[in-house]
Amino acid sequence: MSEVNKISIAVLGCGRVGTGIMKYIRQSPYVDEVYGYDINQDVLAEKQNELEFKAVRTLEEILDNPKIKLVFVTTHNATHVPLTIKALYAGKAVMTEKPVGMSIDEINDLLKVQKETGGFVQVGLELRYSKSYLYVKNEIDNGTIGKPLCYHFIYS
């Protein structure tokens, strides 16, 4: 078997979603080093001890690091587009959480930068293909449960 080319990745935002991603990506045979950044230095230190990633104190340490090829944006919704744009200009591929942006204008700005840089951006709409959601959609489409008036879905 040939040797696997590994990349270093960074997670911006070390809260619940960011640390959840870190737990899984560390298991990938394609990931070399995992870096983490959070504006809350206490959270960063706590999560670094728990998950053993390389904590960085500034965003620039990630953006300026040529080893880091992929950035996950798992921060507060209002920061998704600004951080994604910075990462694209730094030549990083970006996986960002939903929502993409807070307005159509903001999303258009992101699309403009993506086209300008030719960078890769993907939005984490993972539940779109969840078996649970597909099952419910199929039941609705088939008329099995009638027309939904209200719904509540717990995903665990």
N, C-alpha and C. Protein backbone atom coordinates (compact mmCIF):
# COMPACT_ATOMS: atom_id res chain seq x y z
N MET A 1 0.84 -1.18 0.00
CA MET A 1 0.00 0.00 0.00
C MET A 1 0.88 1.24 0.00
N SER A 2 0.53 2.22 -0.83
CA SER A 2 1.32 3.44 -0.90
C SER A 2 1.05 4.32 0.32
N GLU A 3 2.00 5.20 0.60
CA GLU A 3 1.88 6.08 1.76
C GLU A 3 0.81 7.14 1.50
N VAL A 4 0.05 7.44 2.53
CA VAL A 4 -1.04 8.41 2.44
C VAL A 4 -0.48 9.82 2.60
N ASN A 5 -0.89 10.73 1.71
CA ASN A 5 -0.52 12.13 1.86
C ASN A 5 -1.40 12.75 2.94
N LYS A 6 -0.78 13.29 3.96
CA LYS A 6 -1.52 13.86 5.08
C LYS A 6 -1.46 15.38 5.01
N ILE A 7 -2.52 16.01 5.55
CA ILE A 7 -2.56 17.46 5.64
C ILE A 7 -2.79 17.87 7.09
N SER A 8 -2.41 19.08 7.39
CA SER A 8 -2.74 19.66 8.69
C SER A 8 -4.01 20.48 8.52
N ILE A 9 -4.85 20.46 9.54
CA ILE A 9 -6.10 21.20 9.49
C ILE A 9 -6.19 22.08 10.73
N ALA A 10 -7.08 23.07 10.65
CA ALA A 10 -7.32 23.95 11.79
C ALA A 10 -8.82 24.08 12.02
N VAL A 11 -9.18 24.20 13.27
CA VAL A 11 -10.57 24.42 13.65
C VAL A 11 -10.63 25.78 14.32
N LEU A 12 -11.45 26.66 13.75
CA LEU A 12 -11.67 27.99 14.33
C LEU A 12 -12.93 27.92 15.17
N GLY A 13 -12.77 28.00 16.47
CA GLY A 13 -13.89 27.89 17.39
C GLY A 13 -13.84 26.55 18.09
N CYS A 14 -13.51 26.55 19.36
CA CYS A 14 -13.33 25.30 20.11
C CYS A 14 -14.49 25.03 21.06
N GLY A 15 -15.69 25.38 20.64
CA GLY A 15 -16.89 25.06 21.40
C GLY A 15 -17.36 23.66 21.08
N ARG A 16 -18.64 23.42 21.28
CA ARG A 16 -19.21 22.08 21.10
C ARG A 16 -19.02 21.53 19.69
N VAL A 17 -19.35 22.33 18.68
CA VAL A 17 -19.23 21.85 17.30
C VAL A 17 -17.76 21.67 16.92
N GLY A 18 -16.93 22.63 17.24
CA GLY A 18 -15.51 22.55 16.89
C GLY A 18 -14.80 21.38 17.53
N THR A 19 -15.05 21.16 18.82
CA THR A 19 -14.39 20.03 19.47
C THR A 19 -14.97 18.71 19.01
N GLY A 20 -16.24 18.69 18.65
CA GLY A 20 -16.81 17.47 18.08
C GLY A 20 -16.13 17.10 16.78
N ILE A 21 -15.86 18.10 15.96
CA ILE A 21 -15.15 17.87 14.69
C ILE A 21 -13.74 17.38 14.97
N MET A 22 -13.08 18.00 15.94
CA MET A 22 -11.70 17.59 16.26
C MET A 22 -11.62 16.12 16.65
N LYS A 23 -12.58 15.66 17.42
CA LYS A 23 -12.55 14.26 17.88
C LYS A 23 -12.56 13.30 16.70
N TYR A 24 -13.29 13.64 15.65
CA TYR A 24 -13.41 12.74 14.51
C TYR A 24 -12.29 12.91 13.49
N ILE A 25 -11.89 14.13 13.22
CA ILE A 25 -10.87 14.32 12.19
C ILE A 25 -9.51 13.79 12.63
N ARG A 26 -9.29 13.75 13.93
CA ARG A 26 -8.02 13.19 14.42
C ARG A 26 -7.89 11.72 14.05
N GLN A 27 -8.99 11.06 13.83
CA GLN A 27 -8.99 9.63 13.49
C GLN A 27 -8.72 9.38 12.00
N SER A 28 -8.76 10.43 11.21
CA SER A 28 -8.58 10.27 9.77
C SER A 28 -7.13 9.94 9.43
N PRO A 29 -6.91 8.99 8.54
CA PRO A 29 -5.55 8.68 8.11
C PRO A 29 -4.97 9.78 7.22
N TYR A 30 -5.79 10.75 6.84
CA TYR A 30 -5.34 11.84 5.97
C TYR A 30 -4.95 13.10 6.74
N VAL A 31 -5.12 13.08 8.05
CA VAL A 31 -4.85 14.27 8.87
C VAL A 31 -3.55 14.07 9.64
N ASP A 32 -2.66 15.05 9.50
CA ASP A 32 -1.38 15.04 10.21
C ASP A 32 -1.56 15.73 11.55
N GLU A 33 -1.58 17.04 11.54
CA GLU A 33 -1.70 17.81 12.78
C GLU A 33 -3.04 18.55 12.80
N VAL A 34 -3.57 18.74 14.01
CA VAL A 34 -4.81 19.48 14.20
C VAL A 34 -4.47 20.71 15.04
N TYR A 35 -4.86 21.87 14.52
CA TYR A 35 -4.67 23.13 15.22
C TYR A 35 -6.03 23.66 15.65
N GLY A 36 -6.05 24.36 16.77
CA GLY A 36 -7.28 24.96 17.23
C GLY A 36 -7.07 26.41 17.61
N TYR A 37 -8.10 27.21 17.35
CA TYR A 37 -8.08 28.63 17.71
C TYR A 37 -9.44 29.00 18.26
N ASP A 38 -9.45 29.80 19.32
CA ASP A 38 -10.67 30.33 19.89
C ASP A 38 -10.34 31.67 20.51
N ILE A 39 -11.25 32.63 20.40
CA ILE A 39 -10.99 33.94 20.99
C ILE A 39 -10.99 33.87 22.52
N ASN A 40 -11.67 32.86 23.06
CA ASN A 40 -11.69 32.67 24.51
C ASN A 40 -10.50 31.78 24.88
N GLN A 41 -9.46 32.40 25.41
CA GLN A 41 -8.22 31.68 25.71
C GLN A 41 -8.41 30.62 26.80
N ASP A 42 -9.35 30.83 27.73
CA ASP A 42 -9.61 29.82 28.76
C ASP A 42 -10.20 28.56 28.14
N VAL A 43 -11.16 28.73 27.24
CA VAL A 43 -11.75 27.59 26.54
C VAL A 43 -10.69 26.89 25.72
N LEU A 44 -9.87 27.65 25.04
CA LEU A 44 -8.80 27.09 24.21
C LEU A 44 -7.88 26.20 25.05
N ALA A 45 -7.44 26.70 26.21
CA ALA A 45 -6.55 25.94 27.08
C ALA A 45 -7.23 24.69 27.62
N GLU A 46 -8.48 24.82 28.04
CA GLU A 46 -9.22 23.67 28.56
C GLU A 46 -9.37 22.57 27.51
N LYS A 47 -9.77 22.96 26.31
CA LYS A 47 -10.00 21.98 25.25
C LYS A 47 -8.69 21.39 24.74
N GLN A 48 -7.63 22.18 24.76
CA GLN A 48 -6.33 21.66 24.32
C GLN A 48 -5.89 20.52 25.23
N ASN A 49 -6.06 20.69 26.53
CA ASN A 49 -5.68 19.62 27.46
C ASN A 49 -6.53 18.38 27.25
N GLU A 50 -7.82 18.58 26.95
CA GLU A 50 -8.74 17.47 26.76
C GLU A 50 -8.50 16.73 25.46
N LEU A 51 -8.25 17.46 24.36
CA LEU A 51 -8.20 16.86 23.02
C LEU A 51 -6.81 16.78 22.40
N GLU A 52 -5.81 17.36 23.05
CA GLU A 52 -4.43 17.30 22.58
C GLU A 52 -4.24 17.78 21.14
N PHE A 53 -4.66 19.00 20.87
CA PHE A 53 -4.40 19.63 19.58
C PHE A 53 -3.41 20.76 19.80
N LYS A 54 -2.92 21.34 18.72
CA LYS A 54 -1.98 22.46 18.83
C LYS A 54 -2.78 23.76 18.93
N ALA A 55 -2.79 24.36 20.08
CA ALA A 55 -3.52 25.60 20.29
C ALA A 55 -2.68 26.78 19.79
N VAL A 56 -3.35 27.67 19.07
CA VAL A 56 -2.68 28.90 18.64
C VAL A 56 -3.44 30.09 19.20
N ARG A 57 -2.72 31.14 19.48
CA ARG A 57 -3.32 32.30 20.15
C ARG A 57 -3.89 33.35 19.20
N THR A 58 -3.45 33.30 17.94
CA THR A 58 -3.95 34.29 16.99
C THR A 58 -4.41 33.61 15.71
N LEU A 59 -5.35 34.22 15.06
CA LEU A 59 -5.85 33.71 13.78
C LEU A 59 -4.74 33.71 12.74
N GLU A 60 -3.87 34.70 12.79
CA GLU A 60 -2.78 34.80 11.82
C GLU A 60 -1.85 33.59 11.87
N GLU A 61 -1.69 32.97 13.03
CA GLU A 61 -0.85 31.78 13.14
C GLU A 61 -1.40 30.64 12.28
N ILE A 62 -2.69 30.63 12.09
CA ILE A 62 -3.31 29.62 11.22
C ILE A 62 -3.23 30.06 9.77
N LEU A 63 -3.63 31.30 9.52
CA LEU A 63 -3.67 31.79 8.14
C LEU A 63 -2.29 31.83 7.49
N ASP A 64 -1.25 32.09 8.29
CA ASP A 64 0.10 32.19 7.75
C ASP A 64 0.86 30.86 7.74
N ASN A 65 0.24 29.79 8.22
CA ASN A 65 0.91 28.50 8.30
C ASN A 65 0.68 27.71 7.00
N PRO A 66 1.72 27.53 6.19
CA PRO A 66 1.54 26.84 4.91
C PRO A 66 1.21 25.35 5.06
N LYS A 67 1.47 24.76 6.22
CA LYS A 67 1.15 23.35 6.44
C LYS A 67 -0.36 23.14 6.55
N ILE A 68 -1.08 24.15 7.00
CA ILE A 68 -2.53 24.03 7.19
C ILE A 68 -3.21 24.25 5.85
N LYS A 69 -3.86 23.22 5.36
CA LYS A 69 -4.52 23.27 4.05
C LYS A 69 -6.04 23.44 4.15
N LEU A 70 -6.60 23.02 5.29
CA LEU A 70 -8.06 23.03 5.46
C LEU A 70 -8.41 23.67 6.79
N VAL A 71 -9.42 24.54 6.74
CA VAL A 71 -9.89 25.23 7.94
C VAL A 71 -11.38 24.93 8.12
N PHE A 72 -11.74 24.55 9.33
CA PHE A 72 -13.15 24.40 9.71
C PHE A 72 -13.56 25.64 10.47
N VAL A 73 -14.64 26.29 10.03
CA VAL A 73 -15.16 27.48 10.72
C VAL A 73 -16.37 27.03 11.54
N THR A 74 -16.20 27.01 12.86
CA THR A 74 -17.26 26.54 13.76
C THR A 74 -17.57 27.58 14.83
N THR A 75 -17.42 28.81 14.46
CA THR A 75 -17.60 29.93 15.38
C THR A 75 -19.05 30.42 15.36
N HIS A 76 -19.28 31.55 16.03
CA HIS A 76 -20.61 32.17 16.06
C HIS A 76 -21.06 32.48 14.63
N ASN A 77 -22.35 32.33 14.36
CA ASN A 77 -22.90 32.49 13.01
C ASN A 77 -22.45 33.77 12.31
N ALA A 78 -22.41 34.87 13.01
CA ALA A 78 -22.06 36.15 12.39
C ALA A 78 -20.61 36.21 11.93
N THR A 79 -19.79 35.27 12.35
CA THR A 79 -18.37 35.28 11.96
C THR A 79 -18.05 34.30 10.84
N HIS A 80 -19.02 33.51 10.40
CA HIS A 80 -18.73 32.49 9.37
C HIS A 80 -18.16 33.11 8.10
N VAL A 81 -18.84 34.10 7.55
CA VAL A 81 -18.38 34.68 6.29
C VAL A 81 -17.06 35.44 6.45
N PRO A 82 -16.91 36.32 7.44
CA PRO A 82 -15.62 37.02 7.55
C PRO A 82 -14.43 36.07 7.72
N LEU A 83 -14.59 35.03 8.52
CA LEU A 83 -13.49 34.08 8.70
C LEU A 83 -13.24 33.24 7.45
N THR A 84 -14.30 32.87 6.78
CA THR A 84 -14.16 32.10 5.54
C THR A 84 -13.43 32.92 4.49
N ILE A 85 -13.77 34.18 4.37
CA ILE A 85 -13.10 35.06 3.40
C ILE A 85 -11.62 35.19 3.74
N LYS A 86 -11.29 35.39 5.01
CA LYS A 86 -9.88 35.49 5.40
C LYS A 86 -9.13 34.20 5.06
N ALA A 87 -9.77 33.06 5.33
CA ALA A 87 -9.12 31.78 5.03
C ALA A 87 -8.93 31.58 3.53
N LEU A 88 -9.92 31.97 2.74
CA LEU A 88 -9.78 31.86 1.28
C LEU A 88 -8.63 32.71 0.77
N TYR A 89 -8.53 33.94 1.25
CA TYR A 89 -7.43 34.80 0.83
C TYR A 89 -6.08 34.24 1.27
N ALA A 90 -6.07 33.44 2.33
CA ALA A 90 -4.83 32.81 2.81
C ALA A 90 -4.54 31.51 2.06
N GLY A 91 -5.40 31.15 1.11
CA GLY A 91 -5.18 29.96 0.31
C GLY A 91 -5.63 28.66 0.94
N LYS A 92 -6.50 28.76 1.93
CA LYS A 92 -7.00 27.56 2.62
C LYS A 92 -8.31 27.10 2.00
N ALA A 93 -8.53 25.79 2.01
CA ALA A 93 -9.86 25.23 1.73
C ALA A 93 -10.66 25.43 3.01
N VAL A 94 -11.99 25.63 2.87
CA VAL A 94 -12.80 25.95 4.04
C VAL A 94 -14.05 25.10 4.10
N MET A 95 -14.28 24.55 5.29
CA MET A 95 -15.55 23.90 5.62
C MET A 95 -16.17 24.81 6.67
N THR A 96 -17.35 25.34 6.39
CA THR A 96 -17.98 26.24 7.35
C THR A 96 -19.32 25.67 7.79
N GLU A 97 -19.67 25.99 8.99
CA GLU A 97 -20.97 25.58 9.51
C GLU A 97 -22.06 26.44 8.92
N LYS A 98 -23.28 25.98 9.06
CA LYS A 98 -24.44 26.75 8.64
C LYS A 98 -24.81 27.72 9.75
N PRO A 99 -25.43 28.80 9.48
CA PRO A 99 -25.76 29.31 8.15
C PRO A 99 -24.50 29.86 7.48
N VAL A 100 -24.56 29.89 6.16
CA VAL A 100 -23.42 30.41 5.41
C VAL A 100 -23.14 31.84 5.84
N GLY A 101 -24.15 32.67 5.83
CA GLY A 101 -23.99 34.07 6.19
C GLY A 101 -25.27 34.62 6.80
N MET A 102 -25.19 35.86 7.20
CA MET A 102 -26.32 36.49 7.89
C MET A 102 -27.19 37.32 6.96
N SER A 103 -26.76 37.49 5.71
CA SER A 103 -27.56 38.26 4.74
C SER A 103 -27.18 37.82 3.33
N ILE A 104 -28.04 38.14 2.39
CA ILE A 104 -27.74 37.84 0.98
C ILE A 104 -26.50 38.61 0.53
N ASP A 105 -26.37 39.86 0.94
CA ASP A 105 -25.20 40.65 0.56
C ASP A 105 -23.91 40.01 1.07
N GLU A 106 -23.95 39.51 2.31
CA GLU A 106 -22.78 38.87 2.87
C GLU A 106 -22.42 37.60 2.10
N ILE A 107 -23.41 36.83 1.76
CA ILE A 107 -23.18 35.60 0.98
C ILE A 107 -22.65 35.94 -0.40
N ASN A 108 -23.17 37.01 -1.02
CA ASN A 108 -22.66 37.44 -2.32
C ASN A 108 -21.20 37.87 -2.22
N ASP A 109 -20.82 38.52 -1.11
CA ASP A 109 -19.42 38.89 -0.90
C ASP A 109 -18.54 37.63 -0.84
N LEU A 110 -19.03 36.62 -0.13
CA LEU A 110 -18.29 35.37 -0.03
C LEU A 110 -18.15 34.70 -1.40
N LEU A 111 -19.23 34.66 -2.16
CA LEU A 111 -19.17 34.06 -3.50
C LEU A 111 -18.19 34.81 -4.40
N LYS A 112 -18.15 36.11 -4.28
CA LYS A 112 -17.22 36.91 -5.07
C LYS A 112 -15.77 36.54 -4.73
N VAL A 113 -15.47 36.42 -3.45
CA VAL A 113 -14.11 36.06 -3.03
C VAL A 113 -13.78 34.63 -3.45
N GLN A 114 -14.74 33.73 -3.34
CA GLN A 114 -14.49 32.35 -3.76
C GLN A 114 -14.14 32.30 -5.24
N LYS A 115 -14.88 33.04 -6.06
CA LYS A 115 -14.59 33.07 -7.50
C LYS A 115 -13.24 33.72 -7.77
N GLU A 116 -12.96 34.80 -7.05
CA GLU A 116 -11.70 35.52 -7.22
C GLU A 116 -10.50 34.64 -6.87
N THR A 117 -10.60 33.89 -5.78
CA THR A 117 -9.47 33.08 -5.32
C THR A 117 -9.46 31.68 -5.93
N GLY A 118 -10.62 31.22 -6.40
CA GLY A 118 -10.72 29.85 -6.89
C GLY A 118 -10.66 28.84 -5.76
N GLY A 119 -10.85 29.30 -4.54
CA GLY A 119 -10.76 28.44 -3.37
C GLY A 119 -11.96 27.52 -3.20
N PHE A 120 -11.79 26.55 -2.32
CA PHE A 120 -12.83 25.56 -2.04
C PHE A 120 -13.58 25.97 -0.78
N VAL A 121 -14.92 25.99 -0.87
CA VAL A 121 -15.77 26.25 0.29
C VAL A 121 -16.90 25.23 0.30
N GLN A 122 -17.12 24.65 1.46
CA GLN A 122 -18.26 23.75 1.62
C GLN A 122 -18.97 24.12 2.92
N VAL A 123 -20.30 24.04 2.87
CA VAL A 123 -21.12 24.36 4.04
C VAL A 123 -21.63 23.07 4.65
N GLY A 124 -21.53 22.96 5.96
CA GLY A 124 -21.94 21.75 6.67
C GLY A 124 -23.45 21.62 6.77
N LEU A 125 -24.06 21.12 5.73
CA LEU A 125 -25.50 20.85 5.73
C LEU A 125 -25.70 19.34 5.85
N GLU A 126 -25.05 18.76 6.84
CA GLU A 126 -24.99 17.31 6.96
C GLU A 126 -26.33 16.65 7.19
N LEU A 127 -27.26 17.30 7.84
CA LEU A 127 -28.54 16.66 8.14
C LEU A 127 -29.42 16.51 6.91
N ARG A 128 -29.07 17.20 5.85
CA ARG A 128 -29.85 17.10 4.62
C ARG A 128 -29.94 15.65 4.13
N TYR A 129 -28.90 14.87 4.40
CA TYR A 129 -28.87 13.49 3.93
C TYR A 129 -28.98 12.48 5.08
N SER A 130 -29.37 12.94 6.24
CA SER A 130 -29.55 12.05 7.38
C SER A 130 -30.66 11.04 7.08
N LYS A 131 -30.43 9.79 7.44
CA LYS A 131 -31.44 8.76 7.19
C LYS A 131 -32.75 9.09 7.90
N SER A 132 -32.67 9.67 9.07
CA SER A 132 -33.89 10.03 9.81
C SER A 132 -34.70 11.07 9.05
N TYR A 133 -34.03 12.10 8.57
CA TYR A 133 -34.72 13.15 7.83
C TYR A 133 -35.27 12.63 6.51
N LEU A 134 -34.48 11.81 5.83
CA LEU A 134 -34.95 11.24 4.56
C LEU A 134 -36.16 10.35 4.77
N TYR A 135 -36.18 9.61 5.86
CA TYR A 135 -37.33 8.76 6.17
C TYR A 135 -38.58 9.61 6.37
N VAL A 136 -38.45 10.66 7.17
CA VAL A 136 -39.61 11.53 7.43
C VAL A 136 -40.07 12.20 6.13
N LYS A 137 -39.12 12.68 5.33
CA LYS A 137 -39.49 13.32 4.06
C LYS A 137 -40.23 12.33 3.17
N ASN A 138 -39.77 11.10 3.11
CA ASN A 138 -40.42 10.07 2.31
C ASN A 138 -41.85 9.82 2.81
N GLU A 139 -42.04 9.76 4.11
CA GLU A 139 -43.37 9.55 4.68
C GLU A 139 -44.30 10.71 4.34
N ILE A 140 -43.78 11.92 4.35
CA ILE A 140 -44.58 13.10 3.98
C ILE A 140 -44.93 13.04 2.50
N ASP A 141 -43.91 12.78 1.66
CA ASP A 141 -44.13 12.72 0.21
C ASP A 141 -45.14 11.64 -0.18
N ASN A 142 -45.12 10.53 0.53
CA ASN A 142 -46.05 9.44 0.25
C ASN A 142 -47.45 9.67 0.83
N GLY A 143 -47.62 10.72 1.60
CA GLY A 143 -48.91 11.00 2.20
C GLY A 143 -49.23 10.12 3.40
N THR A 144 -48.24 9.39 3.88
CA THR A 144 -48.43 8.46 4.99
C THR A 144 -48.87 9.17 6.27
N ILE A 145 -48.31 10.33 6.53
CA ILE A 145 -48.61 11.02 7.79
C ILE A 145 -49.43 12.29 7.60
N GLY A 146 -49.88 12.54 6.41
CA GLY A 146 -50.67 13.76 6.18
C GLY A 146 -49.79 14.98 6.06
N LYS A 147 -50.42 16.14 6.04
CA LYS A 147 -49.70 17.40 5.91
C LYS A 147 -49.23 17.87 7.28
N PRO A 148 -47.90 18.00 7.47
CA PRO A 148 -47.39 18.46 8.76
C PRO A 148 -47.81 19.91 9.03
N LEU A 149 -48.24 20.16 10.24
CA LEU A 149 -48.58 21.51 10.66
C LEU A 149 -47.51 22.08 11.58
N CYS A 150 -46.83 21.20 12.27
CA CYS A 150 -45.79 21.60 13.21
C CYS A 150 -44.86 20.39 13.37
N TYR A 151 -43.61 20.63 13.63
CA TYR A 151 -42.70 19.52 13.84
C TYR A 151 -41.67 19.86 14.89
N HIS A 152 -41.14 18.83 15.50
CA HIS A 152 -40.03 18.94 16.43
C HIS A 152 -39.20 17.69 16.24
N PHE A 153 -37.93 17.86 15.96
CA PHE A 153 -37.08 16.73 15.64
C PHE A 153 -35.89 16.74 16.56
N ILE A 154 -35.64 15.66 17.27
CA ILE A 154 -34.49 15.55 18.14
C ILE A 154 -33.49 14.65 17.44
N TYR A 155 -32.29 15.17 17.22
CA TYR A 155 -31.24 14.43 16.54
C TYR A 155 -30.18 14.06 17.56
N SER A 156 -29.96 12.79 17.72
CA SER A 156 -28.93 12.37 18.67
C SER A 156 -28.01 11.34 18.09
